[in-house]
Amino acid sequence: MADRVSGTEGYAEEADDLFVRYESHPAQDLHRAVLHLMPKPPARVLDIGAGTGRDAAWLAGLGHQVVAVEPTDTLRLRAMALHPSPAIIWIDDSLPELAALRARAESFDLVMLTAVFMHLDAEQRAQAMPNIASRIAAGGCLIMRLRHGPVPPGRRMFEVADDEIIVLAGSQNMTLVFNEHAVSRDARNQAAGVTWTTLGFVKAP
């Protein structure tokens, strides 16, 4: 699906480098600040923009049942080979529509979007949020990591304001429970001045 999805530009071409970089950062360390928001296993978890499968594999290893959505064929197929697990279901789908996922009519206790939403423009972000929220069970959690800083050559990214996401989530009955800003853990991103925002929301029962 990669050739048909805006926002995935550059990922297939840089797959070798991305697997080395992403897999070098343990998921537990990356998400340590929001561990208290995650449900106890076994829970139903959705990882949108699953990339190399690092987070999906970690979540499955904790005892969760994971659905991993990744539109870039090169990443998805390689991730499936690198992180084989009967607890992970891989889906070729993309934001903002999430058509294949919505057709499954599943709901999840935790939905994660790590370094994903900045690939969508404002119109796409507004379209995506209801489709994301509709997959979250009552009382479930949404955790998003937003990238801020220079756009790498060949990529499609937009600056995303925290307030915009908070308003979009609020319109879908989700309450902000976590908001943290931090510098990048990646040495290359640090040198470029990249920072991250992590937002956590809980959907009303």
N, C-alpha and C. Protein backbone atom coordinates (compact mmCIF):
# COMPACT_ATOMS: atom_id res chain seq x y z
N MET A 1 0.81 -1.21 0.00
CA MET A 1 0.00 0.00 0.00
C MET A 1 0.85 1.26 0.00
N ALA A 2 2.14 1.15 0.25
CA ALA A 2 2.99 2.31 0.52
C ALA A 2 2.91 3.38 -0.55
N ASP A 3 2.85 3.00 -1.83
CA ASP A 3 2.88 3.97 -2.90
C ASP A 3 1.61 4.82 -2.95
N ARG A 4 0.55 4.40 -2.28
CA ARG A 4 -0.72 5.10 -2.35
C ARG A 4 -1.01 5.93 -1.10
N VAL A 5 -0.12 5.95 -0.14
CA VAL A 5 -0.41 6.57 1.15
C VAL A 5 0.48 7.79 1.37
N SER A 6 -0.14 8.96 1.50
CA SER A 6 0.64 10.16 1.82
C SER A 6 1.14 10.06 3.25
N GLY A 7 2.36 10.54 3.46
CA GLY A 7 2.95 10.49 4.79
C GLY A 7 3.96 9.38 4.96
N THR A 8 3.94 8.41 4.03
CA THR A 8 4.90 7.30 4.13
C THR A 8 6.13 7.53 3.27
N GLU A 9 6.21 8.68 2.64
CA GLU A 9 7.34 8.96 1.76
C GLU A 9 8.68 8.81 2.49
N GLY A 10 9.59 8.10 1.85
CA GLY A 10 10.94 7.97 2.38
C GLY A 10 11.17 6.76 3.26
N TYR A 11 10.11 6.18 3.79
CA TYR A 11 10.29 5.09 4.75
C TYR A 11 10.77 3.80 4.10
N ALA A 12 10.21 3.44 2.97
CA ALA A 12 10.66 2.22 2.30
C ALA A 12 12.11 2.34 1.86
N GLU A 13 12.46 3.52 1.34
CA GLU A 13 13.81 3.73 0.85
C GLU A 13 14.85 3.70 1.97
N GLU A 14 14.45 4.07 3.18
CA GLU A 14 15.38 4.15 4.30
C GLU A 14 15.20 3.00 5.29
N ALA A 15 14.56 1.93 4.86
CA ALA A 15 14.20 0.85 5.78
C ALA A 15 15.40 0.29 6.54
N ASP A 16 16.51 0.06 5.87
CA ASP A 16 17.68 -0.52 6.53
C ASP A 16 18.13 0.36 7.70
N ASP A 17 18.25 1.65 7.45
CA ASP A 17 18.68 2.59 8.48
C ASP A 17 17.66 2.69 9.60
N LEU A 18 16.38 2.72 9.24
CA LEU A 18 15.33 2.87 10.24
C LEU A 18 15.26 1.66 11.17
N PHE A 19 15.44 0.47 10.64
CA PHE A 19 15.40 -0.71 11.50
C PHE A 19 16.54 -0.68 12.51
N VAL A 20 17.71 -0.25 12.09
CA VAL A 20 18.84 -0.16 13.02
C VAL A 20 18.55 0.88 14.09
N ARG A 21 18.10 2.06 13.69
CA ARG A 21 17.87 3.14 14.64
C ARG A 21 16.71 2.85 15.58
N TYR A 22 15.57 2.45 15.03
CA TYR A 22 14.39 2.24 15.86
C TYR A 22 14.57 1.07 16.82
N GLU A 23 15.14 -0.01 16.32
CA GLU A 23 15.29 -1.20 17.16
C GLU A 23 16.36 -1.02 18.23
N SER A 24 17.19 0.02 18.11
CA SER A 24 18.23 0.27 19.12
C SER A 24 17.68 0.97 20.36
N HIS A 25 16.43 1.44 20.30
CA HIS A 25 15.81 2.11 21.44
C HIS A 25 14.73 1.20 22.03
N PRO A 26 14.97 0.58 23.18
CA PRO A 26 13.99 -0.32 23.77
C PRO A 26 12.65 0.37 23.99
N ALA A 27 11.57 -0.31 23.62
CA ALA A 27 10.24 0.28 23.75
C ALA A 27 9.91 0.63 25.20
N GLN A 28 10.33 -0.21 26.14
CA GLN A 28 10.02 0.06 27.54
C GLN A 28 10.65 1.37 28.00
N ASP A 29 11.85 1.66 27.53
CA ASP A 29 12.49 2.93 27.90
C ASP A 29 11.78 4.10 27.24
N LEU A 30 11.42 3.94 25.98
CA LEU A 30 10.77 5.01 25.24
C LEU A 30 9.43 5.40 25.85
N HIS A 31 8.71 4.41 26.34
CA HIS A 31 7.36 4.65 26.86
C HIS A 31 7.28 4.60 28.38
N ARG A 32 8.42 4.69 29.04
CA ARG A 32 8.46 4.54 30.49
C ARG A 32 7.53 5.54 31.20
N ALA A 33 7.45 6.75 30.69
CA ALA A 33 6.67 7.80 31.36
C ALA A 33 5.17 7.52 31.35
N VAL A 34 4.72 6.66 30.45
CA VAL A 34 3.28 6.40 30.36
C VAL A 34 2.92 4.96 30.71
N LEU A 35 3.84 4.24 31.31
CA LEU A 35 3.54 2.85 31.70
C LEU A 35 2.35 2.79 32.64
N HIS A 36 2.19 3.82 33.48
CA HIS A 36 1.09 3.81 34.44
C HIS A 36 -0.27 3.96 33.77
N LEU A 37 -0.30 4.40 32.52
CA LEU A 37 -1.56 4.55 31.79
C LEU A 37 -1.96 3.28 31.06
N MET A 38 -1.04 2.35 30.91
CA MET A 38 -1.31 1.16 30.12
C MET A 38 -2.08 0.13 30.92
N PRO A 39 -3.02 -0.56 30.28
CA PRO A 39 -3.81 -1.57 30.99
C PRO A 39 -2.95 -2.77 31.36
N LYS A 40 -3.39 -3.47 32.37
CA LYS A 40 -2.70 -4.70 32.76
C LYS A 40 -3.02 -5.79 31.73
N PRO A 41 -2.04 -6.63 31.42
CA PRO A 41 -2.28 -7.72 30.47
C PRO A 41 -3.15 -8.81 31.10
N PRO A 42 -3.90 -9.52 30.28
CA PRO A 42 -3.98 -9.36 28.83
C PRO A 42 -5.01 -8.29 28.45
N ALA A 43 -4.64 -7.41 27.56
CA ALA A 43 -5.55 -6.38 27.07
C ALA A 43 -5.48 -6.36 25.54
N ARG A 44 -6.43 -5.68 24.94
CA ARG A 44 -6.46 -5.54 23.48
C ARG A 44 -5.78 -4.22 23.13
N VAL A 45 -4.72 -4.30 22.35
CA VAL A 45 -3.91 -3.12 22.04
C VAL A 45 -3.82 -2.91 20.53
N LEU A 46 -3.96 -1.66 20.12
CA LEU A 46 -3.83 -1.29 18.71
C LEU A 46 -2.62 -0.37 18.56
N ASP A 47 -1.70 -0.74 17.68
CA ASP A 47 -0.51 0.06 17.39
C ASP A 47 -0.64 0.56 15.96
N ILE A 48 -0.95 1.85 15.80
CA ILE A 48 -1.15 2.44 14.47
C ILE A 48 0.16 3.06 14.00
N GLY A 49 0.60 2.66 12.82
CA GLY A 49 1.91 3.09 12.34
C GLY A 49 2.99 2.30 13.04
N ALA A 50 2.87 0.98 12.99
CA ALA A 50 3.70 0.09 13.80
C ALA A 50 5.15 0.00 13.35
N GLY A 51 5.45 0.48 12.15
CA GLY A 51 6.84 0.58 11.71
C GLY A 51 7.60 -0.73 11.73
N THR A 52 8.68 -0.77 12.51
CA THR A 52 9.54 -1.95 12.57
C THR A 52 8.99 -3.05 13.46
N GLY A 53 7.88 -2.79 14.13
CA GLY A 53 7.29 -3.79 15.01
C GLY A 53 7.86 -3.80 16.41
N ARG A 54 8.76 -2.87 16.71
CA ARG A 54 9.40 -2.81 18.03
C ARG A 54 8.37 -2.74 19.16
N ASP A 55 7.45 -1.79 19.07
CA ASP A 55 6.48 -1.61 20.15
C ASP A 55 5.48 -2.75 20.19
N ALA A 56 5.03 -3.20 19.02
CA ALA A 56 4.08 -4.30 18.97
C ALA A 56 4.66 -5.56 19.61
N ALA A 57 5.92 -5.84 19.33
CA ALA A 57 6.57 -7.01 19.91
C ALA A 57 6.70 -6.88 21.42
N TRP A 58 7.05 -5.69 21.88
CA TRP A 58 7.17 -5.45 23.32
C TRP A 58 5.82 -5.65 24.00
N LEU A 59 4.76 -5.08 23.42
CA LEU A 59 3.43 -5.20 24.01
C LEU A 59 2.95 -6.65 24.02
N ALA A 60 3.23 -7.37 22.94
CA ALA A 60 2.87 -8.79 22.89
C ALA A 60 3.64 -9.57 23.94
N GLY A 61 4.90 -9.20 24.14
CA GLY A 61 5.72 -9.86 25.15
C GLY A 61 5.22 -9.64 26.56
N LEU A 62 4.51 -8.55 26.77
CA LEU A 62 3.92 -8.27 28.09
C LEU A 62 2.66 -9.09 28.33
N GLY A 63 2.15 -9.72 27.28
CA GLY A 63 0.95 -10.54 27.42
C GLY A 63 -0.29 -9.96 26.78
N HIS A 64 -0.14 -8.88 26.00
CA HIS A 64 -1.28 -8.28 25.33
C HIS A 64 -1.53 -8.93 23.97
N GLN A 65 -2.77 -8.79 23.49
CA GLN A 65 -3.11 -9.15 22.12
C GLN A 65 -3.04 -7.88 21.28
N VAL A 66 -2.20 -7.87 20.27
CA VAL A 66 -1.88 -6.65 19.54
C VAL A 66 -2.32 -6.72 18.09
N VAL A 67 -2.95 -5.65 17.64
CA VAL A 67 -3.19 -5.44 16.21
C VAL A 67 -2.26 -4.33 15.77
N ALA A 68 -1.39 -4.61 14.81
CA ALA A 68 -0.39 -3.66 14.34
C ALA A 68 -0.75 -3.21 12.93
N VAL A 69 -0.97 -1.91 12.77
CA VAL A 69 -1.32 -1.33 11.47
C VAL A 69 -0.09 -0.65 10.88
N GLU A 70 0.27 -1.04 9.67
CA GLU A 70 1.42 -0.42 8.99
C GLU A 70 1.20 -0.43 7.48
N PRO A 71 1.14 0.75 6.85
CA PRO A 71 0.86 0.81 5.41
C PRO A 71 2.06 0.60 4.51
N THR A 72 3.27 0.76 5.03
CA THR A 72 4.46 0.62 4.19
C THR A 72 4.85 -0.84 4.08
N ASP A 73 4.68 -1.41 2.90
CA ASP A 73 4.91 -2.84 2.71
C ASP A 73 6.29 -3.28 3.17
N THR A 74 7.31 -2.51 2.81
CA THR A 74 8.69 -2.88 3.15
C THR A 74 8.87 -3.00 4.65
N LEU A 75 8.31 -2.06 5.40
CA LEU A 75 8.43 -2.11 6.86
C LEU A 75 7.59 -3.24 7.44
N ARG A 76 6.35 -3.35 7.00
CA ARG A 76 5.44 -4.34 7.59
C ARG A 76 5.95 -5.76 7.40
N LEU A 77 6.34 -6.11 6.18
CA LEU A 77 6.79 -7.47 5.91
C LEU A 77 8.08 -7.79 6.65
N ARG A 78 8.96 -6.84 6.72
CA ARG A 78 10.22 -7.05 7.44
C ARG A 78 9.97 -7.14 8.95
N ALA A 79 9.05 -6.33 9.45
CA ALA A 79 8.72 -6.38 10.87
C ALA A 79 8.10 -7.72 11.25
N MET A 80 7.26 -8.24 10.38
CA MET A 80 6.64 -9.54 10.65
C MET A 80 7.69 -10.64 10.74
N ALA A 81 8.73 -10.54 9.92
CA ALA A 81 9.80 -11.53 9.95
C ALA A 81 10.70 -11.35 11.17
N LEU A 82 10.94 -10.10 11.56
CA LEU A 82 11.82 -9.82 12.69
C LEU A 82 11.16 -10.13 14.02
N HIS A 83 9.86 -9.89 14.11
CA HIS A 83 9.14 -10.07 15.37
C HIS A 83 7.95 -11.02 15.20
N PRO A 84 8.22 -12.28 14.85
CA PRO A 84 7.10 -13.22 14.69
C PRO A 84 6.44 -13.50 16.03
N SER A 85 5.12 -13.41 16.07
CA SER A 85 4.41 -13.65 17.32
C SER A 85 2.95 -13.97 17.01
N PRO A 86 2.42 -15.03 17.61
CA PRO A 86 0.99 -15.33 17.42
C PRO A 86 0.09 -14.30 18.10
N ALA A 87 0.68 -13.45 18.94
CA ALA A 87 -0.10 -12.44 19.64
C ALA A 87 -0.20 -11.13 18.86
N ILE A 88 0.41 -11.07 17.66
CA ILE A 88 0.36 -9.86 16.84
C ILE A 88 -0.35 -10.17 15.52
N ILE A 89 -1.37 -9.40 15.22
CA ILE A 89 -2.04 -9.45 13.92
C ILE A 89 -1.63 -8.20 13.14
N TRP A 90 -1.07 -8.38 11.97
CA TRP A 90 -0.62 -7.26 11.14
C TRP A 90 -1.68 -6.93 10.10
N ILE A 91 -1.94 -5.63 9.93
CA ILE A 91 -2.93 -5.16 8.96
C ILE A 91 -2.32 -4.09 8.07
N ASP A 92 -2.55 -4.22 6.78
CA ASP A 92 -2.14 -3.21 5.80
C ASP A 92 -3.26 -2.17 5.73
N ASP A 93 -3.06 -1.06 6.41
CA ASP A 93 -4.10 -0.03 6.48
C ASP A 93 -3.44 1.30 6.81
N SER A 94 -4.19 2.39 6.69
CA SER A 94 -3.57 3.70 6.90
C SER A 94 -4.57 4.73 7.39
N LEU A 95 -4.04 5.74 8.04
CA LEU A 95 -4.80 6.93 8.38
C LEU A 95 -4.92 7.81 7.14
N PRO A 96 -5.96 8.65 7.05
CA PRO A 96 -6.93 8.92 8.10
C PRO A 96 -8.12 7.97 8.13
N GLU A 97 -8.33 7.17 7.08
CA GLU A 97 -9.57 6.40 7.01
C GLU A 97 -9.60 5.17 7.92
N LEU A 98 -8.48 4.43 7.99
CA LEU A 98 -8.45 3.16 8.72
C LEU A 98 -9.58 2.24 8.27
N ALA A 99 -9.80 2.17 6.96
CA ALA A 99 -10.95 1.44 6.42
C ALA A 99 -10.92 -0.04 6.76
N ALA A 100 -9.77 -0.68 6.59
CA ALA A 100 -9.67 -2.11 6.87
C ALA A 100 -9.87 -2.39 8.35
N LEU A 101 -9.31 -1.54 9.19
CA LEU A 101 -9.45 -1.74 10.63
C LEU A 101 -10.89 -1.56 11.06
N ARG A 102 -11.55 -0.52 10.57
CA ARG A 102 -12.94 -0.27 10.96
C ARG A 102 -13.85 -1.40 10.49
N ALA A 103 -13.50 -2.04 9.39
CA ALA A 103 -14.31 -3.15 8.89
C ALA A 103 -14.27 -4.35 9.83
N ARG A 104 -13.23 -4.42 10.66
CA ARG A 104 -13.11 -5.52 11.63
C ARG A 104 -14.00 -5.30 12.85
N ALA A 105 -14.45 -4.07 13.06
CA ALA A 105 -15.38 -3.74 14.15
C ALA A 105 -14.86 -4.17 15.52
N GLU A 106 -13.57 -3.99 15.75
CA GLU A 106 -12.97 -4.30 17.04
C GLU A 106 -12.79 -3.03 17.86
N SER A 107 -12.77 -3.19 19.17
CA SER A 107 -12.41 -2.08 20.05
C SER A 107 -11.21 -2.50 20.89
N PHE A 108 -10.50 -1.48 21.40
CA PHE A 108 -9.23 -1.75 22.07
C PHE A 108 -9.14 -0.99 23.39
N ASP A 109 -8.42 -1.61 24.33
CA ASP A 109 -8.21 -0.99 25.63
C ASP A 109 -7.11 0.07 25.58
N LEU A 110 -6.20 -0.07 24.64
CA LEU A 110 -5.10 0.88 24.46
C LEU A 110 -4.84 1.06 22.98
N VAL A 111 -4.74 2.32 22.55
CA VAL A 111 -4.36 2.64 21.18
C VAL A 111 -3.11 3.51 21.24
N MET A 112 -2.10 3.14 20.46
CA MET A 112 -0.84 3.88 20.46
C MET A 112 -0.52 4.39 19.06
N LEU A 113 -0.11 5.66 18.99
CA LEU A 113 0.39 6.26 17.76
C LEU A 113 1.72 6.91 18.10
N THR A 114 2.80 6.26 17.74
CA THR A 114 4.14 6.77 18.04
C THR A 114 4.77 7.31 16.77
N ALA A 115 5.01 8.61 16.76
CA ALA A 115 5.64 9.28 15.60
C ALA A 115 4.82 9.06 14.33
N VAL A 116 3.53 9.31 14.43
CA VAL A 116 2.62 9.07 13.31
C VAL A 116 1.85 10.32 12.88
N PHE A 117 1.24 11.01 13.84
CA PHE A 117 0.27 12.05 13.51
C PHE A 117 0.88 13.23 12.78
N MET A 118 2.17 13.47 12.92
CA MET A 118 2.79 14.60 12.23
C MET A 118 2.93 14.36 10.74
N HIS A 119 2.61 13.14 10.28
CA HIS A 119 2.63 12.87 8.84
C HIS A 119 1.32 13.28 8.16
N LEU A 120 0.32 13.65 8.94
CA LEU A 120 -0.98 14.05 8.39
C LEU A 120 -1.11 15.56 8.41
N ASP A 121 -1.74 16.11 7.38
CA ASP A 121 -2.00 17.55 7.40
C ASP A 121 -3.22 17.82 8.28
N ALA A 122 -3.56 19.09 8.46
CA ALA A 122 -4.62 19.46 9.41
C ALA A 122 -5.95 18.81 9.06
N GLU A 123 -6.29 18.80 7.78
CA GLU A 123 -7.56 18.19 7.36
C GLU A 123 -7.56 16.70 7.63
N GLN A 124 -6.45 16.04 7.35
CA GLN A 124 -6.36 14.61 7.60
C GLN A 124 -6.41 14.29 9.09
N ARG A 125 -5.78 15.14 9.91
CA ARG A 125 -5.81 14.91 11.36
C ARG A 125 -7.23 15.00 11.89
N ALA A 126 -7.98 15.98 11.40
CA ALA A 126 -9.37 16.13 11.84
C ALA A 126 -10.22 14.94 11.40
N GLN A 127 -9.93 14.41 10.23
CA GLN A 127 -10.65 13.23 9.74
C GLN A 127 -10.25 11.98 10.50
N ALA A 128 -8.98 11.90 10.87
CA ALA A 128 -8.47 10.68 11.50
C ALA A 128 -8.96 10.49 12.93
N MET A 129 -9.07 11.57 13.69
CA MET A 129 -9.36 11.42 15.12
C MET A 129 -10.65 10.66 15.40
N PRO A 130 -11.78 10.95 14.72
CA PRO A 130 -12.98 10.15 14.99
C PRO A 130 -12.79 8.67 14.65
N ASN A 131 -12.03 8.38 13.61
CA ASN A 131 -11.79 6.98 13.24
C ASN A 131 -10.92 6.27 14.28
N ILE A 132 -9.98 7.00 14.86
CA ILE A 132 -9.17 6.44 15.95
C ILE A 132 -10.02 6.24 17.19
N ALA A 133 -10.76 7.28 17.56
CA ALA A 133 -11.55 7.23 18.79
C ALA A 133 -12.60 6.13 18.75
N SER A 134 -13.13 5.85 17.56
CA SER A 134 -14.16 4.81 17.45
C SER A 134 -13.63 3.42 17.73
N ARG A 135 -12.30 3.26 17.71
CA ARG A 135 -11.69 1.96 18.00
C ARG A 135 -11.34 1.80 19.48
N ILE A 136 -11.50 2.85 20.28
CA ILE A 136 -11.11 2.81 21.69
C ILE A 136 -12.32 2.43 22.53
N ALA A 137 -12.17 1.42 23.36
CA ALA A 137 -13.25 1.00 24.24
C ALA A 137 -13.51 2.06 25.31
N ALA A 138 -14.71 2.06 25.85
CA ALA A 138 -15.03 2.97 26.95
C ALA A 138 -14.05 2.76 28.09
N GLY A 139 -13.47 3.85 28.57
CA GLY A 139 -12.46 3.76 29.62
C GLY A 139 -11.07 3.43 29.11
N GLY A 140 -10.94 3.24 27.80
CA GLY A 140 -9.65 2.92 27.20
C GLY A 140 -8.76 4.13 27.06
N CYS A 141 -7.51 3.88 26.69
CA CYS A 141 -6.49 4.93 26.67
C CYS A 141 -5.91 5.12 25.27
N LEU A 142 -5.64 6.36 24.93
CA LEU A 142 -4.93 6.72 23.70
C LEU A 142 -3.62 7.39 24.09
N ILE A 143 -2.51 6.89 23.56
CA ILE A 143 -1.19 7.48 23.82
C ILE A 143 -0.58 7.87 22.48
N MET A 144 -0.20 9.13 22.37
CA MET A 144 0.37 9.66 21.13
C MET A 144 1.70 10.32 21.41
N ARG A 145 2.68 10.10 20.52
CA ARG A 145 3.96 10.81 20.56
C ARG A 145 4.07 11.64 19.30
N LEU A 146 4.27 12.95 19.48
CA LEU A 146 4.33 13.90 18.38
C LEU A 146 5.75 14.43 18.23
N ARG A 147 6.25 14.42 17.03
CA ARG A 147 7.60 14.90 16.74
C ARG A 147 7.56 16.38 16.37
N HIS A 148 8.55 17.14 16.88
CA HIS A 148 8.69 18.55 16.55
C HIS A 148 10.12 18.79 16.08
N GLY A 149 10.27 19.55 15.02
CA GLY A 149 11.62 19.87 14.55
C GLY A 149 11.75 19.78 13.05
N PRO A 150 12.98 19.89 12.56
CA PRO A 150 13.22 19.89 11.11
C PRO A 150 12.71 18.61 10.45
N VAL A 151 12.21 18.76 9.24
CA VAL A 151 11.71 17.62 8.47
C VAL A 151 12.87 16.99 7.70
N PRO A 152 13.13 15.70 7.88
CA PRO A 152 14.21 15.04 7.14
C PRO A 152 13.95 15.11 5.63
N PRO A 153 15.00 15.17 4.83
CA PRO A 153 14.84 15.20 3.38
C PRO A 153 14.03 14.00 2.88
N GLY A 154 13.10 14.25 1.97
CA GLY A 154 12.32 13.18 1.39
C GLY A 154 11.13 12.74 2.20
N ARG A 155 10.89 13.36 3.35
CA ARG A 155 9.76 12.99 4.21
C ARG A 155 8.63 14.02 4.10
N ARG A 156 7.44 13.62 4.49
CA ARG A 156 6.28 14.50 4.56
C ARG A 156 5.87 14.62 6.02
N MET A 157 6.08 15.79 6.60
CA MET A 157 5.73 16.02 8.00
C MET A 157 5.19 17.43 8.17
N PHE A 158 4.40 17.60 9.23
CA PHE A 158 3.82 18.89 9.57
C PHE A 158 4.02 19.16 11.05
N GLU A 159 4.15 20.42 11.40
CA GLU A 159 4.20 20.78 12.81
C GLU A 159 2.79 20.65 13.38
N VAL A 160 2.67 19.97 14.51
CA VAL A 160 1.37 19.71 15.12
C VAL A 160 1.37 20.30 16.53
N ALA A 161 0.44 21.19 16.80
CA ALA A 161 0.34 21.82 18.11
C ALA A 161 -0.39 20.90 19.09
N ASP A 162 0.11 20.87 20.32
CA ASP A 162 -0.53 20.05 21.35
C ASP A 162 -1.99 20.42 21.50
N ASP A 163 -2.27 21.72 21.53
CA ASP A 163 -3.64 22.19 21.76
C ASP A 163 -4.60 21.68 20.70
N GLU A 164 -4.13 21.59 19.46
CA GLU A 164 -4.99 21.08 18.40
C GLU A 164 -5.42 19.64 18.69
N ILE A 165 -4.46 18.81 19.09
CA ILE A 165 -4.76 17.41 19.37
C ILE A 165 -5.66 17.27 20.59
N ILE A 166 -5.44 18.10 21.58
CA ILE A 166 -6.27 18.06 22.79
C ILE A 166 -7.71 18.40 22.45
N VAL A 167 -7.91 19.40 21.59
CA VAL A 167 -9.27 19.78 21.18
C VAL A 167 -9.91 18.67 20.35
N LEU A 168 -9.15 18.11 19.40
CA LEU A 168 -9.68 17.02 18.58
C LEU A 168 -10.08 15.82 19.44
N ALA A 169 -9.23 15.46 20.38
CA ALA A 169 -9.53 14.32 21.25
C ALA A 169 -10.73 14.63 22.14
N GLY A 170 -10.79 15.86 22.65
CA GLY A 170 -11.91 16.25 23.49
C GLY A 170 -13.24 16.17 22.77
N SER A 171 -13.23 16.43 21.48
CA SER A 171 -14.47 16.35 20.70
C SER A 171 -14.96 14.92 20.55
N GLN A 172 -14.09 13.96 20.88
CA GLN A 172 -14.43 12.53 20.81
C GLN A 172 -14.54 11.92 22.21
N ASN A 173 -14.87 12.76 23.19
CA ASN A 173 -15.09 12.30 24.58
C ASN A 173 -13.84 11.70 25.21
N MET A 174 -12.68 12.26 24.87
CA MET A 174 -11.43 11.82 25.48
C MET A 174 -10.82 12.94 26.29
N THR A 175 -10.41 12.61 27.51
CA THR A 175 -9.87 13.58 28.45
C THR A 175 -8.35 13.46 28.54
N LEU A 176 -7.66 14.59 28.48
CA LEU A 176 -6.21 14.60 28.61
C LEU A 176 -5.81 14.23 30.03
N VAL A 177 -4.92 13.24 30.17
CA VAL A 177 -4.45 12.83 31.49
C VAL A 177 -2.93 12.87 31.59
N PHE A 178 -2.25 13.14 30.46
CA PHE A 178 -0.79 13.18 30.48
C PHE A 178 -0.30 14.07 29.35
N ASN A 179 0.70 14.92 29.67
CA ASN A 179 1.27 15.83 28.67
C ASN A 179 2.72 16.09 29.06
N GLU A 180 3.65 15.56 28.27
CA GLU A 180 5.07 15.70 28.59
C GLU A 180 5.87 16.07 27.35
N HIS A 181 6.80 17.00 27.51
CA HIS A 181 7.72 17.39 26.44
C HIS A 181 9.12 16.89 26.80
N ALA A 182 9.85 16.40 25.80
CA ALA A 182 11.20 15.88 26.06
C ALA A 182 12.05 15.99 24.80
N VAL A 183 13.37 16.02 25.01
CA VAL A 183 14.29 15.99 23.87
C VAL A 183 14.32 14.58 23.30
N SER A 184 14.77 14.46 22.07
CA SER A 184 14.85 13.15 21.42
C SER A 184 15.93 12.29 22.07
N ARG A 185 15.70 10.98 22.11
CA ARG A 185 16.70 10.03 22.60
C ARG A 185 17.70 9.67 21.50
N ASP A 186 17.33 9.91 20.26
CA ASP A 186 18.17 9.54 19.12
C ASP A 186 19.24 10.61 18.91
N ALA A 187 20.50 10.18 18.82
CA ALA A 187 21.61 11.13 18.71
C ALA A 187 21.48 12.02 17.48
N ARG A 188 21.08 11.44 16.37
CA ARG A 188 20.93 12.23 15.15
C ARG A 188 19.83 13.28 15.30
N ASN A 189 18.73 12.88 15.91
CA ASN A 189 17.63 13.83 16.13
C ASN A 189 18.01 14.90 17.15
N GLN A 190 18.75 14.51 18.18
CA GLN A 190 19.20 15.49 19.17
C GLN A 190 20.02 16.58 18.50
N ALA A 191 20.93 16.18 17.63
CA ALA A 191 21.78 17.15 16.94
C ALA A 191 20.97 18.09 16.06
N ALA A 192 19.83 17.60 15.56
CA ALA A 192 18.98 18.41 14.69
C ALA A 192 17.99 19.26 15.47
N GLY A 193 17.95 19.09 16.80
CA GLY A 193 17.03 19.87 17.62
C GLY A 193 15.62 19.31 17.69
N VAL A 194 15.47 18.03 17.44
CA VAL A 194 14.15 17.40 17.48
C VAL A 194 13.70 17.19 18.92
N THR A 195 12.44 17.52 19.20
CA THR A 195 11.83 17.27 20.50
C THR A 195 10.54 16.49 20.31
N TRP A 196 10.02 15.97 21.42
CA TRP A 196 8.82 15.14 21.37
C TRP A 196 7.81 15.57 22.42
N THR A 197 6.55 15.43 22.08
CA THR A 197 5.46 15.58 23.04
C THR A 197 4.75 14.24 23.16
N THR A 198 4.51 13.81 24.38
CA THR A 198 3.71 12.61 24.62
C THR A 198 2.40 13.02 25.27
N LEU A 199 1.31 12.63 24.66
CA LEU A 199 -0.03 12.94 25.16
C LEU A 199 -0.76 11.65 25.50
N GLY A 200 -1.44 11.64 26.64
CA GLY A 200 -2.25 10.51 27.03
C GLY A 200 -3.68 10.94 27.27
N PHE A 201 -4.63 10.18 26.75
CA PHE A 201 -6.05 10.49 26.89
C PHE A 201 -6.80 9.25 27.38
N VAL A 202 -7.88 9.48 28.10
CA VAL A 202 -8.76 8.39 28.51
C VAL A 202 -10.15 8.68 27.95
N LYS A 203 -10.75 7.67 27.34
CA LYS A 203 -12.08 7.83 26.76
C LYS A 203 -13.14 7.66 27.84
N ALA A 204 -14.14 8.50 27.79
CA ALA A 204 -15.20 8.47 28.80
C ALA A 204 -15.89 7.11 28.79
N PRO A 205 -16.23 6.60 29.98
CA PRO A 205 -16.94 5.32 30.06
C PRO A 205 -18.30 5.39 29.37
